[in-house]
Protein backbone atom coordinates (compact mmCIF):
# COMPACT_ATOMS: atom_id res chain seq x y z
CA MET A 1 -125.12 101.03 -53.10
CA LYS A 2 -126.43 98.00 -51.25
CA LEU A 3 -130.18 97.50 -51.52
CA LYS A 4 -132.24 95.51 -49.07
CA ARG A 5 -134.55 92.82 -50.37
CA VAL A 6 -137.97 94.24 -51.28
CA ARG A 7 -140.65 93.07 -48.89
CA VAL A 8 -144.07 93.01 -50.52
CA LEU A 9 -147.05 92.09 -48.42
CA PRO A 10 -150.50 91.49 -49.84
CA THR A 11 -153.17 94.07 -49.21
CA VAL A 12 -155.65 93.28 -46.47
CA LYS A 13 -159.35 94.06 -46.48
CA LEU A 14 -160.61 95.64 -43.25
CA ILE A 15 -164.27 95.72 -42.43
CA GLY A 16 -165.64 97.52 -39.42
CA ARG A 17 -167.80 100.28 -38.07
CA MET A 18 -166.97 103.75 -36.87
CA PRO A 19 -168.98 106.26 -34.88
CA GLY A 20 -171.08 108.60 -37.02
CA ASP A 21 -169.38 111.67 -35.60
CA LEU A 22 -165.98 110.31 -36.61
CA HIS A 23 -167.22 109.64 -40.14
CA GLU A 24 -168.65 113.15 -40.29
CA ALA A 25 -165.25 114.56 -39.19
CA LEU A 26 -163.44 112.47 -41.81
CA VAL A 27 -165.79 113.72 -44.54
CA GLY A 28 -164.94 117.23 -43.36
CA TYR A 29 -161.24 116.35 -43.42
CA ALA A 30 -161.60 115.12 -47.01
CA GLU A 31 -163.15 118.50 -47.88
CA TYR A 32 -160.24 120.24 -46.14
CA TYR A 33 -157.80 118.07 -48.11
CA ARG A 34 -159.51 119.12 -51.35
CA ALA A 35 -159.33 122.79 -50.38
CA VAL A 36 -155.63 122.57 -49.48
CA HIS A 37 -154.40 120.29 -52.27
CA GLY A 38 -156.88 121.10 -55.04
CA GLU A 39 -157.91 117.49 -55.56
CA ALA A 40 -160.71 115.41 -54.16
CA ILE A 41 -160.07 112.33 -52.04
CA GLU A 42 -162.50 109.70 -50.83
CA VAL A 43 -162.70 108.97 -47.10
CA TRP A 44 -161.19 105.46 -47.19
CA PRO A 45 -157.95 106.37 -49.05
CA LEU A 46 -157.67 109.35 -46.72
CA VAL A 47 -157.98 107.09 -43.66
CA VAL A 48 -155.34 104.71 -45.05
CA HIS A 49 -153.01 107.64 -45.70
CA MET A 50 -153.60 109.03 -42.19
CA LEU A 51 -152.92 105.66 -40.56
CA GLN A 52 -149.77 105.16 -42.62
CA THR A 53 -148.52 108.59 -41.60
CA LEU A 54 -149.31 107.89 -37.93
CA VAL A 55 -147.41 104.60 -37.97
CA ASP A 56 -144.46 106.02 -39.94
CA ASP A 57 -144.09 109.09 -37.71
CA ASP A 58 -144.48 107.42 -34.30
CA ARG A 59 -140.89 107.39 -33.05
CA ALA A 60 -141.59 105.29 -29.97
CA PHE A 61 -143.36 102.65 -32.07
CA GLN A 62 -140.57 102.64 -34.67
CA ALA A 63 -137.93 102.19 -31.95
CA TRP A 64 -139.93 99.38 -30.37
CA ARG A 65 -140.45 97.75 -33.76
CA ARG A 66 -136.71 97.92 -34.58
CA HIS A 67 -135.93 96.44 -31.17
CA THR A 68 -138.42 93.58 -31.45
CA ASN A 69 -137.55 92.79 -35.09
CA GLY A 70 -133.88 92.55 -34.11
CA ALA A 71 -134.60 90.24 -31.16
CA ALA A 72 -134.39 86.48 -31.35
CA ALA A 73 -137.51 84.66 -32.47
CA GLY A 74 -139.90 84.24 -29.56
CA ALA A 75 -138.17 86.92 -27.50
CA ALA A 76 -139.92 89.67 -29.48
CA ALA A 77 -143.31 88.63 -28.14
CA ALA A 78 -142.00 88.95 -24.58
CA VAL A 79 -140.99 92.62 -25.00
CA PRO A 80 -143.78 94.87 -23.70
CA ALA A 81 -144.76 98.03 -25.50
CA PRO A 82 -143.33 101.20 -23.95
CA GLY A 83 -145.37 102.22 -20.92
CA ASN A 84 -146.83 98.73 -20.52
CA GLU A 85 -143.95 97.14 -18.67
CA SER A 86 -145.10 94.78 -15.95
CA ARG A 87 -143.71 95.42 -12.49
CA SER A 88 -142.71 92.59 -10.23
CA ALA A 89 -143.15 93.07 -6.50
């Protein structure tokens, strides 16, 4: 078996604000999580888990990321995200 080199990035602290109704919904989602899984979870770890799942499961993003990571340095920045291609007249 051939293993790839482990890539470890430092954690990053994010600070921001969210609408009160979104926070209320996330608190409700944490309660739902507890009811389904039988264990409590705080809102922030839940948000991190949800974002990680979103990024991991987004096929279009993963394909774009593979494409841009395989491109030559500098060329990756020139590749538009799917649906954002500029059109020349």
